[in-house]
C-alpha atoms as a PDB file:
ATOM      1  CA  UNK A   1      -0.203   0.059  -0.446  1.00  0.00           C
ATOM      2  CA  UNK A   2       2.931   2.476   1.096  1.00  0.00           C
ATOM      3  CA  UNK A   3       0.744   5.707   1.569  1.00  0.00           C
ATOM      4  CA  UNK A   4      -0.549   6.848   5.279  1.00  0.00           C
ATOM      5  CA  UNK A   5      -4.251   5.825   5.996  1.00  0.00           C
ATOM      6  CA  UNK A   6      -7.036   7.834   5.898  1.00  0.00           C
ATOM      7  CA  UNK A   7      -9.288   9.029   8.910  1.00  0.00           C
ATOM      8  CA  UNK A   8     -11.955   7.409   7.818  1.00  0.00           C
ATOM      9  CA  UNK A   9     -10.276   4.203   8.026  1.00  0.00           C
ATOM     10  CA  UNK A  10      -8.521   4.688  11.025  1.00  0.00           C
ATOM     11  CA  UNK A  11     -11.887   4.558  13.249  1.00  0.00           C
ATOM     12  CA  UNK A  12     -12.187   0.683  13.095  1.00  0.00           C
ATOM     13  CA  UNK A  13      -9.101   0.010  14.783  1.00  0.00           C
ATOM     14  CA  UNK A  14      -9.700   2.799  17.009  1.00  0.00           C
ATOM     15  CA  UNK A  15     -13.117   1.736  18.421  1.00  0.00           C
ATOM     16  CA  UNK A  16     -11.617  -1.912  18.710  1.00  0.00           C
ATOM     17  CA  UNK A  17      -9.061  -0.730  21.319  1.00  0.00           C
ATOM     18  CA  UNK A  18     -11.761   1.850  23.327  1.00  0.00           C
ATOM     19  CA  UNK A  19     -14.074  -1.462  23.376  1.00  0.00           C
ATOM     20  CA  UNK A  20     -13.798  -4.118  25.940  1.00  0.00           C
ATOM     21  CA  UNK A  21     -12.482  -6.195  22.734  1.00  0.00           C
ATOM     22  CA  UNK A  22      -9.676  -4.629  23.031  1.00  0.00           C
ATOM     23  CA  UNK A  23      -8.658  -4.955  26.652  1.00  0.00           C
ATOM     24  CA  UNK A  24      -5.521  -7.142  26.236  1.00  0.00           C
ATOM     25  CA  UNK A  25      -3.959  -4.873  24.039  1.00  0.00           C
ATOM     26  CA  UNK A  26      -1.737  -2.176  26.490  1.00  0.00           C
ATOM     27  CA  UNK A  27       1.863  -1.051  26.083  1.00  0.00           C
ATOM     28  CA  UNK A  28       1.772  -1.371  21.684  1.00  0.00           C
ATOM     29  CA  UNK A  29       2.947   0.745  19.422  1.00  0.00           C
ATOM     30  CA  UNK A  30       1.154   0.719  16.177  1.00  0.00           C
ATOM     31  CA  UNK A  31       1.247   1.973  13.003  1.00  0.00           C
ATOM     32  CA  UNK A  32      -1.641   3.180  10.867  1.00  0.00           C
ATOM     33  CA  UNK A  33       0.382   3.829   8.056  1.00  0.00           C
ATOM     34  CA  UNK A  34      -0.847   1.170   5.597  1.00  0.00           C
ATOM     35  CA  UNK A  35       2.594  -0.722   5.890  1.00  0.00           C
ATOM     36  CA  UNK A  36       4.986   2.356   5.274  1.00  0.00           C
ATOM     37  CA  UNK A  37       7.361   1.702   7.856  1.00  0.00           C
ATOM     38  CA  UNK A  38       7.740  -1.904   7.269  1.00  0.00           C
ATOM     39  CA  UNK A  39       9.032  -1.714   3.839  1.00  0.00           C
END
């Protein structure tokens, strides 16, 4: 992809992290950059 995410694409992961389902995700650094930093 090699592009930054659009604001509307970030909503789903943010809602997940704010929900009870994201309870065990702690101390993680998450990059929403379409794989740009992995390249």
